[in-house]
Amino acid sequence: MISLESKGKTIYTIVEGKLDEEDYKELVPFLERKVDFNDDINWYFEMKDFNGWSPKAIWNDLQLDVDCDGNLNKIAMVGNKEWEEWLSRLMKPFSDSKIKYFDLDEKKKAQQWIES
């Protein structure tokens, strides 16, 4: 399940459970609209009880990363599992965005960073 919200140049995404193709059908147009109206956007991506991606969603995620990378200024990844932090470090060499990982108990700190 995914929830999306926009505030200024910042996109807020909260993901629960597993990301699937239906979630990307909602996420991709949302991001594309935001990118159409803003040169640089920030992305707050919170993972609650996150269980990863379905196989089709992984492909969609890779395409999304390539398509939006030039428009993403900062990405705050918020989660509570060690592999989520590892994933955010893995993304850094493939992105020009500033990517920072925060634990769930640091949500406020992540929101402050992404909005600054």
N, C-alpha and C. Protein backbone atom coordinates (compact mmCIF):
# COMPACT_ATOMS: atom_id res chain seq x y z
N MET A 1 0.85 -1.18 0.00
CA MET A 1 0.00 0.00 0.00
C MET A 1 0.89 1.24 0.00
N ILE A 2 0.46 2.25 -0.74
CA ILE A 2 1.25 3.47 -0.85
C ILE A 2 0.34 4.68 -0.64
N SER A 3 0.87 5.68 0.06
CA SER A 3 0.15 6.95 0.17
C SER A 3 1.08 8.05 -0.32
N LEU A 4 0.50 9.01 -1.03
CA LEU A 4 1.27 10.08 -1.66
C LEU A 4 0.71 11.43 -1.27
N GLU A 5 1.62 12.36 -1.02
CA GLU A 5 1.23 13.73 -0.69
C GLU A 5 2.31 14.66 -1.22
N SER A 6 1.92 15.87 -1.52
CA SER A 6 2.85 16.85 -2.04
C SER A 6 2.74 18.13 -1.22
N LYS A 7 3.90 18.71 -0.89
CA LYS A 7 3.95 19.96 -0.15
C LYS A 7 5.08 20.80 -0.74
N GLY A 8 4.72 21.83 -1.51
CA GLY A 8 5.74 22.63 -2.18
C GLY A 8 6.51 21.77 -3.16
N LYS A 9 7.84 21.79 -3.05
CA LYS A 9 8.69 20.99 -3.92
C LYS A 9 9.01 19.62 -3.33
N THR A 10 8.31 19.23 -2.27
CA THR A 10 8.59 17.96 -1.61
C THR A 10 7.44 16.98 -1.80
N ILE A 11 7.81 15.76 -2.13
CA ILE A 11 6.86 14.66 -2.25
C ILE A 11 7.01 13.77 -1.02
N TYR A 12 5.90 13.43 -0.43
CA TYR A 12 5.90 12.53 0.73
C TYR A 12 5.26 11.21 0.31
N THR A 13 6.01 10.13 0.45
CA THR A 13 5.53 8.80 0.12
C THR A 13 5.66 7.93 1.36
N ILE A 14 4.57 7.25 1.72
CA ILE A 14 4.62 6.29 2.82
C ILE A 14 4.20 4.94 2.24
N VAL A 15 5.05 3.96 2.42
CA VAL A 15 4.83 2.62 1.89
C VAL A 15 4.67 1.65 3.05
N GLU A 16 3.63 0.82 2.96
CA GLU A 16 3.42 -0.24 3.95
C GLU A 16 3.29 -1.56 3.21
N GLY A 17 3.92 -2.60 3.75
CA GLY A 17 3.84 -3.91 3.12
C GLY A 17 4.77 -3.99 1.92
N LYS A 18 4.26 -4.50 0.81
CA LYS A 18 5.06 -4.73 -0.39
C LYS A 18 4.61 -3.80 -1.51
N LEU A 19 5.57 -3.19 -2.19
CA LEU A 19 5.26 -2.37 -3.37
C LEU A 19 4.97 -3.29 -4.54
N ASP A 20 3.87 -3.02 -5.23
CA ASP A 20 3.54 -3.84 -6.40
C ASP A 20 3.28 -2.94 -7.60
N GLU A 21 2.94 -3.56 -8.71
CA GLU A 21 2.73 -2.83 -9.95
C GLU A 21 1.62 -1.78 -9.82
N GLU A 22 0.57 -2.08 -9.07
CA GLU A 22 -0.53 -1.12 -8.88
C GLU A 22 -0.05 0.14 -8.16
N ASP A 23 0.85 -0.03 -7.20
CA ASP A 23 1.41 1.13 -6.50
C ASP A 23 2.16 2.03 -7.47
N TYR A 24 2.90 1.44 -8.38
CA TYR A 24 3.66 2.23 -9.36
C TYR A 24 2.75 2.91 -10.37
N LYS A 25 1.59 2.33 -10.64
CA LYS A 25 0.62 2.99 -11.53
C LYS A 25 0.11 4.28 -10.89
N GLU A 26 0.17 4.36 -9.59
CA GLU A 26 -0.22 5.56 -8.87
C GLU A 26 0.98 6.50 -8.68
N LEU A 27 2.13 5.93 -8.33
CA LEU A 27 3.33 6.70 -8.02
C LEU A 27 3.93 7.41 -9.24
N VAL A 28 4.09 6.69 -10.33
CA VAL A 28 4.79 7.25 -11.49
C VAL A 28 4.10 8.49 -12.05
N PRO A 29 2.79 8.47 -12.32
CA PRO A 29 2.15 9.71 -12.81
C PRO A 29 2.23 10.85 -11.80
N PHE A 30 2.14 10.53 -10.51
CA PHE A 30 2.25 11.54 -9.46
C PHE A 30 3.60 12.24 -9.55
N LEU A 31 4.68 11.45 -9.64
CA LEU A 31 6.02 12.02 -9.74
C LEU A 31 6.21 12.78 -11.05
N GLU A 32 5.71 12.23 -12.14
CA GLU A 32 5.86 12.90 -13.44
C GLU A 32 5.19 14.27 -13.43
N ARG A 33 4.00 14.36 -12.84
CA ARG A 33 3.33 15.66 -12.74
C ARG A 33 4.16 16.65 -11.93
N LYS A 34 4.71 16.16 -10.84
CA LYS A 34 5.52 17.02 -9.97
C LYS A 34 6.77 17.50 -10.71
N VAL A 35 7.43 16.61 -11.44
CA VAL A 35 8.63 16.95 -12.18
C VAL A 35 8.30 17.93 -13.31
N ASP A 36 7.13 17.80 -13.92
CA ASP A 36 6.72 18.71 -14.99
C ASP A 36 6.65 20.16 -14.53
N PHE A 37 6.33 20.37 -13.25
CA PHE A 37 6.14 21.73 -12.74
C PHE A 37 7.30 22.25 -11.90
N ASN A 38 8.28 21.39 -11.61
CA ASN A 38 9.41 21.79 -10.77
C ASN A 38 10.70 21.21 -11.34
N ASP A 39 11.74 22.03 -11.41
CA ASP A 39 13.04 21.53 -11.88
C ASP A 39 13.66 20.57 -10.87
N ASP A 40 13.62 20.94 -9.63
CA ASP A 40 14.20 20.11 -8.56
C ASP A 40 13.14 19.80 -7.53
N ILE A 41 13.02 18.54 -7.19
CA ILE A 41 12.10 18.14 -6.15
C ILE A 41 12.84 17.33 -5.10
N ASN A 42 12.26 17.29 -3.92
CA ASN A 42 12.78 16.48 -2.82
C ASN A 42 11.78 15.37 -2.55
N TRP A 43 12.28 14.24 -2.10
CA TRP A 43 11.42 13.07 -1.91
C TRP A 43 11.65 12.47 -0.53
N TYR A 44 10.60 12.49 0.28
CA TYR A 44 10.57 11.82 1.58
C TYR A 44 9.92 10.46 1.35
N PHE A 45 10.66 9.39 1.59
CA PHE A 45 10.19 8.03 1.31
C PHE A 45 10.24 7.22 2.60
N GLU A 46 9.07 7.02 3.22
CA GLU A 46 8.99 6.31 4.50
C GLU A 46 8.50 4.89 4.28
N MET A 47 9.19 3.93 4.91
CA MET A 47 8.85 2.52 4.79
C MET A 47 8.39 1.99 6.15
N LYS A 48 7.11 1.60 6.22
CA LYS A 48 6.54 1.03 7.46
C LYS A 48 6.27 -0.44 7.22
N ASP A 49 6.83 -1.30 8.04
CA ASP A 49 6.64 -2.75 7.86
C ASP A 49 6.82 -3.13 6.39
N PHE A 50 7.87 -2.58 5.80
CA PHE A 50 8.12 -2.74 4.38
C PHE A 50 8.65 -4.14 4.09
N ASN A 51 8.06 -4.78 3.08
CA ASN A 51 8.44 -6.15 2.71
C ASN A 51 9.04 -6.24 1.32
N GLY A 52 9.47 -5.12 0.76
CA GLY A 52 10.14 -5.14 -0.53
C GLY A 52 9.20 -4.91 -1.70
N TRP A 53 9.62 -5.40 -2.85
CA TRP A 53 8.93 -5.17 -4.11
C TRP A 53 8.51 -6.49 -4.74
N SER A 54 7.43 -6.44 -5.49
CA SER A 54 7.10 -7.58 -6.34
C SER A 54 8.07 -7.52 -7.53
N PRO A 55 8.27 -8.63 -8.26
CA PRO A 55 9.23 -8.61 -9.39
C PRO A 55 8.94 -7.51 -10.42
N LYS A 56 7.71 -7.30 -10.79
CA LYS A 56 7.36 -6.26 -11.77
C LYS A 56 7.64 -4.87 -11.18
N ALA A 57 7.41 -4.71 -9.90
CA ALA A 57 7.65 -3.41 -9.25
C ALA A 57 9.13 -3.07 -9.21
N ILE A 58 9.99 -4.06 -9.09
CA ILE A 58 11.44 -3.80 -9.10
C ILE A 58 11.83 -3.16 -10.44
N TRP A 59 11.32 -3.71 -11.53
CA TRP A 59 11.60 -3.16 -12.86
C TRP A 59 11.08 -1.72 -12.96
N ASN A 60 9.87 -1.50 -12.48
CA ASN A 60 9.29 -0.15 -12.50
C ASN A 60 10.14 0.82 -11.69
N ASP A 61 10.68 0.36 -10.56
CA ASP A 61 11.49 1.20 -9.70
C ASP A 61 12.78 1.59 -10.40
N LEU A 62 13.41 0.65 -11.08
CA LEU A 62 14.64 0.96 -11.80
C LEU A 62 14.39 1.98 -12.91
N GLN A 63 13.30 1.83 -13.63
CA GLN A 63 12.96 2.78 -14.69
C GLN A 63 12.68 4.17 -14.09
N LEU A 64 11.98 4.21 -12.97
CA LEU A 64 11.66 5.47 -12.31
C LEU A 64 12.93 6.18 -11.87
N ASP A 65 13.88 5.44 -11.31
CA ASP A 65 15.14 6.03 -10.86
C ASP A 65 15.86 6.71 -12.01
N VAL A 66 15.88 6.07 -13.16
CA VAL A 66 16.56 6.63 -14.33
C VAL A 66 15.81 7.84 -14.86
N ASP A 67 14.49 7.75 -14.96
CA ASP A 67 13.68 8.83 -15.53
C ASP A 67 13.68 10.10 -14.69
N CYS A 68 13.70 9.97 -13.38
CA CYS A 68 13.54 11.13 -12.49
C CYS A 68 14.83 11.62 -11.86
N ASP A 69 15.92 10.91 -12.05
CA ASP A 69 17.13 11.22 -11.31
C ASP A 69 17.59 12.67 -11.48
N GLY A 70 17.54 13.20 -12.66
CA GLY A 70 18.00 14.57 -12.89
C GLY A 70 17.16 15.62 -12.19
N ASN A 71 15.96 15.25 -11.75
CA ASN A 71 15.07 16.20 -11.11
C ASN A 71 15.00 16.04 -9.59
N LEU A 72 15.61 15.01 -9.06
CA LEU A 72 15.55 14.77 -7.62
C LEU A 72 16.76 15.41 -6.95
N ASN A 73 16.50 16.39 -6.11
CA ASN A 73 17.57 17.07 -5.39
C ASN A 73 18.00 16.25 -4.17
N LYS A 74 17.03 15.93 -3.31
CA LYS A 74 17.33 15.17 -2.09
C LYS A 74 16.30 14.06 -1.92
N ILE A 75 16.76 12.95 -1.34
CA ILE A 75 15.88 11.83 -1.02
C ILE A 75 16.15 11.44 0.43
N ALA A 76 15.11 11.49 1.25
CA ALA A 76 15.19 11.02 2.63
C ALA A 76 14.50 9.67 2.69
N MET A 77 15.26 8.63 2.99
CA MET A 77 14.69 7.29 3.13
C MET A 77 14.55 7.01 4.62
N VAL A 78 13.34 6.70 5.04
CA VAL A 78 13.03 6.50 6.45
C VAL A 78 12.51 5.08 6.64
N GLY A 79 13.14 4.34 7.54
CA GLY A 79 12.72 2.96 7.76
C GLY A 79 13.21 2.42 9.09
N ASN A 80 13.03 1.13 9.28
CA ASN A 80 13.43 0.54 10.54
C ASN A 80 14.13 -0.80 10.39
N LYS A 81 14.68 -1.04 9.22
CA LYS A 81 15.38 -2.30 9.01
C LYS A 81 16.77 -2.01 8.47
N GLU A 82 17.70 -2.82 8.88
CA GLU A 82 19.09 -2.63 8.47
C GLU A 82 19.23 -2.67 6.94
N TRP A 83 18.49 -3.52 6.26
CA TRP A 83 18.63 -3.63 4.80
C TRP A 83 18.11 -2.37 4.10
N GLU A 84 17.20 -1.65 4.72
CA GLU A 84 16.71 -0.40 4.12
C GLU A 84 17.82 0.65 4.11
N GLU A 85 18.59 0.69 5.19
CA GLU A 85 19.73 1.60 5.24
C GLU A 85 20.77 1.18 4.20
N TRP A 86 21.01 -0.10 4.07
CA TRP A 86 21.94 -0.62 3.08
C TRP A 86 21.49 -0.23 1.67
N LEU A 87 20.19 -0.34 1.40
CA LEU A 87 19.64 0.01 0.10
C LEU A 87 19.89 1.48 -0.23
N SER A 88 19.72 2.36 0.74
CA SER A 88 19.94 3.78 0.49
C SER A 88 21.42 4.05 0.17
N ARG A 89 22.33 3.33 0.80
CA ARG A 89 23.76 3.48 0.48
C ARG A 89 24.07 2.93 -0.90
N LEU A 90 23.41 1.85 -1.27
CA LEU A 90 23.61 1.23 -2.58
C LEU A 90 23.18 2.17 -3.71
N MET A 91 22.14 2.96 -3.49
CA MET A 91 21.61 3.86 -4.51
C MET A 91 22.55 5.03 -4.81
N LYS A 92 23.34 5.46 -3.86
CA LYS A 92 24.12 6.69 -3.99
C LYS A 92 25.00 6.75 -5.24
N PRO A 93 25.75 5.72 -5.57
CA PRO A 93 26.60 5.83 -6.77
C PRO A 93 25.81 5.97 -8.08
N PHE A 94 24.55 5.58 -8.08
CA PHE A 94 23.74 5.60 -9.29
C PHE A 94 22.84 6.83 -9.39
N SER A 95 23.03 7.77 -8.49
CA SER A 95 22.15 8.93 -8.46
C SER A 95 22.94 10.19 -8.15
N ASP A 96 22.52 11.29 -8.75
CA ASP A 96 23.12 12.59 -8.42
C ASP A 96 22.45 13.22 -7.21
N SER A 97 21.38 12.61 -6.73
CA SER A 97 20.62 13.13 -5.60
C SER A 97 21.40 12.95 -4.30
N LYS A 98 21.14 13.84 -3.36
CA LYS A 98 21.65 13.65 -2.00
C LYS A 98 20.70 12.68 -1.33
N ILE A 99 21.21 11.53 -0.91
CA ILE A 99 20.38 10.49 -0.32
C ILE A 99 20.83 10.27 1.12
N LYS A 100 19.86 10.29 2.02
CA LYS A 100 20.17 10.12 3.44
C LYS A 100 19.16 9.17 4.06
N TYR A 101 19.64 8.25 4.89
CA TYR A 101 18.77 7.30 5.58
C TYR A 101 18.52 7.77 7.00
N PHE A 102 17.26 7.60 7.46
CA PHE A 102 16.86 7.91 8.83
C PHE A 102 16.06 6.74 9.38
N ASP A 103 16.24 6.44 10.65
CA ASP A 103 15.38 5.44 11.31
C ASP A 103 14.00 6.04 11.52
N LEU A 104 12.99 5.17 11.69
CA LEU A 104 11.62 5.65 11.88
C LEU A 104 11.48 6.61 13.04
N ASP A 105 12.28 6.40 14.10
CA ASP A 105 12.17 7.31 15.25
C ASP A 105 12.82 8.67 14.97
N GLU A 106 13.39 8.85 13.77
CA GLU A 106 13.98 10.13 13.37
C GLU A 106 13.15 10.81 12.27
N LYS A 107 11.86 10.49 12.20
CA LYS A 107 11.00 11.04 11.14
C LYS A 107 11.02 12.56 11.11
N LYS A 108 10.92 13.19 12.25
CA LYS A 108 10.92 14.66 12.31
C LYS A 108 12.22 15.23 11.74
N LYS A 109 13.33 14.61 12.13
CA LYS A 109 14.64 15.02 11.64
C LYS A 109 14.71 14.86 10.12
N ALA A 110 14.18 13.77 9.61
CA ALA A 110 14.16 13.52 8.15
C ALA A 110 13.32 14.57 7.44
N GLN A 111 12.17 14.90 8.01
CA GLN A 111 11.29 15.91 7.40
C GLN A 111 11.96 17.28 7.40
N GLN A 112 12.64 17.62 8.47
CA GLN A 112 13.35 18.90 8.54
C GLN A 112 14.46 18.95 7.48
N TRP A 113 15.20 17.84 7.34
CA TRP A 113 16.29 17.79 6.37
C TRP A 113 15.76 17.91 4.94
N ILE A 114 14.70 17.19 4.64
CA ILE A 114 14.18 17.16 3.27
C ILE A 114 13.57 18.51 2.89
N GLU A 115 13.05 19.25 3.85
CA GLU A 115 12.43 20.54 3.57
C GLU A 115 13.41 21.72 3.62
N SER A 116 14.65 21.45 4.07
CA SER A 116 15.63 22.55 4.19
C SER A 116 16.32 22.83 2.86
